[in-house]
Amino acid sequence: MRILVVEDDPDLNRQLVEALEEAGYVVDKAFDGEEGHFLGDTEPYDAAILDIGLPQKDGISVLEEWREAGRSLPVLILTARDRWSDKVAGIDAGADDYVAKPFHVEEVLARVRALIRRAAGHSSSEITCGPLRLDTRGAKATVNGVALKLTSHEFRLLSYLLHHMDKVVSRTELVEHMYDQDFDRDSNTIEVFVGRLRKKMGLDVIETIRGLGYRIQSPGQASGDGR
C-alpha cells in the first residue's frame, strides 16, 4: 500500500513517514501544498495524510482540487486542536477523516488502516480468504493459524490483492502501489513475488489471468479463466 504524506513541519513529516514505513507502507512525502497537490494528482495512492496549514497552497485547496479532478483517494486531514472550523471545512471539501494535533502516531496509523479498508469495501481489520488470514492491524498473514514469514514486498503484494479480492489487478497497478516514486520499477519482479508467495502459503489462491494480471478470489466464487 502506498501513502502520500503532505506536512510542512520537517519533524512531524519525518515522524509520520517513519511510522508508516515501519508499519509496512510505501511512503512519498511533500512539504508544501503545491508539491503535495502535484503528487496526489499524478501518482496513484491508497491514502493521503494532508495537513491543512501548508505553505504555497493550503490543504483545503489541495483537497478541493483533487476532488474536482476526480481523485477519489481516501484523505485524512491534520488540523489544529481548537480549530473546529478546519474540521468542518476539511470534511466539506472531501476529507474522509481527521486527526487533531497534537496526536499519537498510533491513532493516525489506525485511521489510515480504516480508510484503506473501507475504500476497498472491508469493515473488519482482518481480511480472510479460506485458511488465509490478513491482519491489517498487526501487518501479518497466517495460513491455518500459522504465521507466514514474508518480506516487505511479499506482504505488500499479498495485502493489496486481498484488499482488492475478486478484482483482476494488473502488474502495472501492483508496481504503482508497491514502490515509491523514486524506485526503479520493473513489473517482471511481480512474477517472482507471486511465485514466492504461492510457495510460502502452500495455497493456490493467487490466480494468473493471462494478459491481464492477478486475482485472489473469495471462497465460492467461480473461476473461469485462471492460470
Protein backbone atom coordinates (compact mmCIF):
# COMPACT_ATOMS: atom_id res chain seq x y z
CA MET A 1 0.00 0.00 0.00
CA ARG A 2 1.27 3.44 -0.94
CA ILE A 3 0.66 6.55 1.17
CA LEU A 4 1.24 10.26 0.50
CA VAL A 5 2.21 12.47 3.46
CA VAL A 6 1.84 16.24 2.97
CA GLU A 7 3.10 18.08 6.07
CA ASP A 8 5.34 21.15 6.19
CA ASP A 9 6.78 20.55 9.67
CA PRO A 10 10.01 18.56 8.98
CA ASP A 11 9.98 16.69 12.31
CA LEU A 12 6.33 15.71 12.09
CA ASN A 13 6.71 14.75 8.43
CA ARG A 14 9.65 12.51 9.30
CA GLN A 15 7.81 11.02 12.28
CA LEU A 16 4.79 10.11 10.15
CA VAL A 17 6.89 8.71 7.30
CA GLU A 18 8.99 6.56 9.63
CA ALA A 19 5.92 5.20 11.44
CA LEU A 20 4.16 4.38 8.18
CA GLU A 21 7.22 2.70 6.71
CA GLU A 22 7.69 0.68 9.87
CA ALA A 23 4.06 -0.43 9.52
CA GLY A 24 4.85 -1.74 6.04
CA TYR A 25 3.62 1.09 3.81
CA VAL A 26 5.44 2.69 0.90
CA VAL A 27 5.50 6.44 1.51
CA ASP A 28 6.02 9.53 -0.64
CA LYS A 29 6.29 12.88 1.12
CA ALA A 30 5.78 16.54 0.33
CA PHE A 31 6.42 19.67 2.42
CA ASP A 32 4.13 22.19 0.72
CA GLY A 33 0.72 22.32 -0.92
CA GLU A 34 1.97 22.71 -4.49
CA GLU A 35 4.16 19.61 -4.38
CA GLY A 36 1.54 17.66 -2.47
CA HIS A 37 -1.17 18.56 -4.97
CA PHE A 38 1.05 17.54 -7.89
CA LEU A 39 1.91 14.14 -6.39
CA GLY A 40 -1.70 13.39 -5.47
CA ASP A 41 -2.82 14.44 -8.94
CA THR A 42 -0.27 12.39 -10.87
CA GLU A 43 0.57 9.33 -8.73
CA PRO A 44 -1.76 6.56 -7.52
CA TYR A 45 -2.04 6.38 -3.72
CA ASP A 46 -4.09 4.20 -1.41
CA ALA A 47 -4.48 7.12 1.02
CA ALA A 48 -3.12 10.58 1.80
CA ILE A 49 -2.36 12.36 5.07
CA LEU A 50 -2.84 16.06 4.42
CA ASP A 51 -2.08 18.97 6.75
CA ILE A 52 -4.44 21.92 6.41
CA GLY A 53 -1.92 24.69 7.20
CA LEU A 54 0.52 24.32 4.30
CA PRO A 55 2.72 26.91 2.56
CA GLN A 56 2.20 27.81 -1.13
CA LYS A 57 -1.23 26.16 -1.23
CA ASP A 58 -3.37 25.33 1.81
CA GLY A 59 -4.63 21.81 2.42
CA ILE A 60 -8.29 22.66 1.82
CA SER A 61 -7.46 24.00 -1.65
CA VAL A 62 -5.35 20.93 -2.41
CA LEU A 63 -8.20 18.63 -1.36
CA GLU A 64 -10.84 20.57 -3.29
CA GLU A 65 -8.74 20.45 -6.46
CA TRP A 66 -8.15 16.70 -6.08
CA ARG A 67 -11.88 16.08 -5.72
CA GLU A 68 -12.77 18.39 -8.61
CA ALA A 69 -10.31 16.43 -10.78
CA GLY A 70 -11.99 13.16 -9.79
CA ARG A 71 -9.26 11.94 -7.40
CA SER A 72 -11.06 9.63 -5.01
CA LEU A 73 -8.17 8.53 -2.78
CA PRO A 74 -9.07 8.45 0.93
CA VAL A 75 -7.76 11.57 2.68
CA LEU A 76 -7.00 12.03 6.38
CA ILE A 77 -6.59 15.71 7.27
CA LEU A 78 -4.47 17.06 10.14
CA THR A 79 -5.99 20.02 11.99
CA ALA A 80 -5.13 22.29 14.90
CA ARG A 81 -6.74 21.04 18.10
CA ASP A 82 -9.02 24.01 18.73
CA ARG A 83 -9.99 24.78 15.14
CA TRP A 84 -13.36 23.10 14.76
CA SER A 85 -13.89 25.20 11.64
CA ASP A 86 -10.91 23.46 9.98
CA LYS A 87 -12.53 20.08 10.59
CA VAL A 88 -15.81 21.22 9.07
CA ALA A 89 -14.07 22.83 6.08
CA GLY A 90 -11.96 19.72 5.50
CA ILE A 91 -14.88 17.32 5.59
CA ASP A 92 -16.95 19.60 3.35
CA ALA A 93 -14.01 19.73 0.91
CA GLY A 94 -13.99 15.93 0.65
CA ALA A 95 -11.87 14.64 3.53
CA ASP A 96 -12.73 11.15 4.79
CA ASP A 97 -11.46 11.62 8.35
CA TYR A 98 -9.41 13.98 10.51
CA VAL A 99 -6.95 13.94 13.40
CA ALA A 100 -6.34 16.97 15.61
CA LYS A 101 -2.82 18.00 16.61
CA PRO A 102 -1.10 17.04 18.81
CA PHE A 103 -1.81 13.37 18.20
CA HIS A 104 -0.42 9.92 18.86
CA VAL A 105 1.04 8.34 15.73
CA GLU A 106 -0.77 5.10 16.61
CA GLU A 107 -4.09 6.90 16.14
CA VAL A 108 -3.04 8.12 12.69
CA LEU A 109 -1.97 4.59 11.71
CA ALA A 110 -5.29 3.15 12.90
CA ARG A 111 -7.27 5.73 10.95
CA VAL A 112 -5.20 5.15 7.80
CA ARG A 113 -5.80 1.39 8.07
CA ALA A 114 -9.53 2.01 8.45
CA LEU A 115 -9.65 4.39 5.47
CA ILE A 116 -7.89 1.88 3.22
CA ARG A 117 -10.12 -0.98 4.39
CA ARG A 118 -13.32 0.97 3.88
CA ALA A 119 -12.24 2.22 0.46
CA ALA A 120 -11.80 -1.43 -0.57
CA GLY A 121 -15.13 -2.46 0.95
CA HIS A 122 -13.86 -4.16 4.13
CA SER A 123 -15.19 -3.31 7.58
CA SER A 124 -13.02 -5.61 9.71
CA SER A 125 -9.32 -5.26 10.49
CA GLU A 126 -8.93 -8.88 9.37
CA ILE A 127 -9.42 -10.00 5.77
CA THR A 128 -9.86 -13.72 5.19
CA CYS A 129 -9.88 -16.00 2.18
CA GLY A 130 -10.45 -19.57 3.28
CA PRO A 131 -7.50 -20.56 5.51
CA LEU A 132 -5.61 -17.40 4.55
CA ARG A 133 -5.96 -14.50 7.01
CA LEU A 134 -4.53 -10.98 6.76
CA ASP A 135 -4.26 -8.98 9.98
CA THR A 136 -4.09 -5.35 8.83
CA ARG A 137 -3.56 -4.08 12.38
CA GLY A 138 -0.60 -6.35 13.09
CA ALA A 139 0.69 -6.33 9.49
CA LYS A 140 0.93 -10.11 9.34
CA ALA A 141 -0.58 -13.00 7.42
CA THR A 142 -1.37 -16.54 8.51
CA VAL A 143 -2.46 -19.80 6.88
CA ASN A 144 -4.45 -22.10 9.15
CA GLY A 145 -3.22 -20.01 12.08
CA VAL A 146 0.45 -20.38 11.18
CA ALA A 147 2.27 -17.10 10.58
CA LEU A 148 3.85 -16.61 7.16
CA LYS A 149 7.42 -15.31 7.04
CA LEU A 150 7.12 -12.70 4.31
CA THR A 151 9.43 -9.97 3.05
CA SER A 152 8.04 -6.43 2.99
CA HIS A 153 7.41 -6.65 -0.77
CA GLU A 154 5.68 -10.03 -0.49
CA PHE A 155 3.43 -8.70 2.28
CA ARG A 156 2.54 -5.56 0.30
CA LEU A 157 1.64 -7.66 -2.73
CA LEU A 158 -0.49 -10.10 -0.74
CA SER A 159 -2.15 -7.26 1.18
CA TYR A 160 -3.05 -5.37 -1.99
CA LEU A 161 -4.55 -8.45 -3.67
CA LEU A 162 -6.55 -9.33 -0.56
CA HIS A 163 -7.82 -5.77 -0.12
CA HIS A 164 -9.00 -5.96 -3.74
CA MET A 165 -10.29 -9.53 -3.60
CA ASP A 166 -12.21 -10.77 -6.67
CA LYS A 167 -10.73 -7.99 -8.80
CA VAL A 168 -8.14 -8.65 -11.51
CA VAL A 169 -5.15 -6.44 -10.66
CA SER A 170 -2.65 -5.66 -13.40
CA ARG A 171 1.10 -5.85 -12.91
CA THR A 172 1.32 -2.11 -13.55
CA GLU A 173 -1.17 -1.35 -10.79
CA LEU A 174 0.69 -3.61 -8.36
CA VAL A 175 4.01 -1.94 -9.16
CA GLU A 176 2.49 1.53 -8.72
CA HIS A 177 1.18 0.66 -5.26
CA MET A 178 4.20 -1.34 -4.04
CA TYR A 179 7.01 1.11 -4.77
CA ASP A 180 7.59 4.80 -4.13
CA GLN A 181 8.05 7.35 -6.91
CA ASP A 182 11.86 7.07 -6.90
CA PHE A 183 12.06 3.29 -7.19
CA ASP A 184 13.26 1.74 -10.45
CA ARG A 185 10.05 -0.10 -11.22
CA ASP A 186 10.16 -3.41 -13.05
CA SER A 187 6.88 -5.28 -13.44
CA ASN A 188 8.77 -8.55 -14.02
CA THR A 189 9.61 -8.68 -10.32
CA ILE A 190 5.90 -9.16 -9.57
CA GLU A 191 6.06 -12.65 -11.07
CA VAL A 192 8.91 -13.51 -8.72
CA PHE A 193 6.99 -12.29 -5.66
CA VAL A 194 3.85 -14.17 -6.73
CA GLY A 195 5.88 -17.36 -7.12
CA ARG A 196 7.40 -16.93 -3.66
CA LEU A 197 4.01 -16.24 -2.09
CA ARG A 198 2.45 -19.35 -3.61
CA LYS A 199 5.32 -21.45 -2.30
CA LYS A 200 5.25 -19.96 1.21
CA MET A 201 1.45 -20.18 1.54
CA GLY A 202 1.16 -23.68 0.14
CA LEU A 203 -2.11 -22.48 -1.36
CA ASP A 204 -3.10 -21.83 -4.94
CA VAL A 205 -5.21 -18.78 -4.19
CA ILE A 206 -3.40 -16.29 -6.45
CA GLU A 207 -4.62 -16.74 -9.99
CA THR A 208 -2.70 -15.57 -13.03
CA ILE A 209 -5.18 -14.12 -15.51
CA ARG A 210 -3.34 -14.29 -18.82
CA GLY A 211 -2.60 -10.92 -20.33
CA LEU A 212 -4.42 -9.08 -17.52
CA GLY A 213 -2.78 -9.64 -14.15
CA TYR A 214 -3.52 -11.46 -10.91
CA ARG A 215 -6.53 -12.15 -8.73
CA ILE A 216 -7.40 -13.64 -5.37
CA GLN A 217 -10.97 -14.90 -5.40
CA SER A 218 -13.13 -15.20 -2.33
CA PRO A 219 -14.31 -18.74 -1.49
CA GLY A 220 -17.30 -19.82 -3.51
CA GLN A 221 -16.55 -17.58 -6.48
CA ALA A 222 -16.38 -19.45 -9.78
CA SER A 223 -13.07 -19.31 -11.61
CA GLY A 224 -13.27 -19.48 -15.34
CA ASP A 225 -10.01 -18.05 -16.60
CA GLY A 226 -7.17 -18.93 -14.24
CA ARG A 227 -3.59 -19.75 -14.94
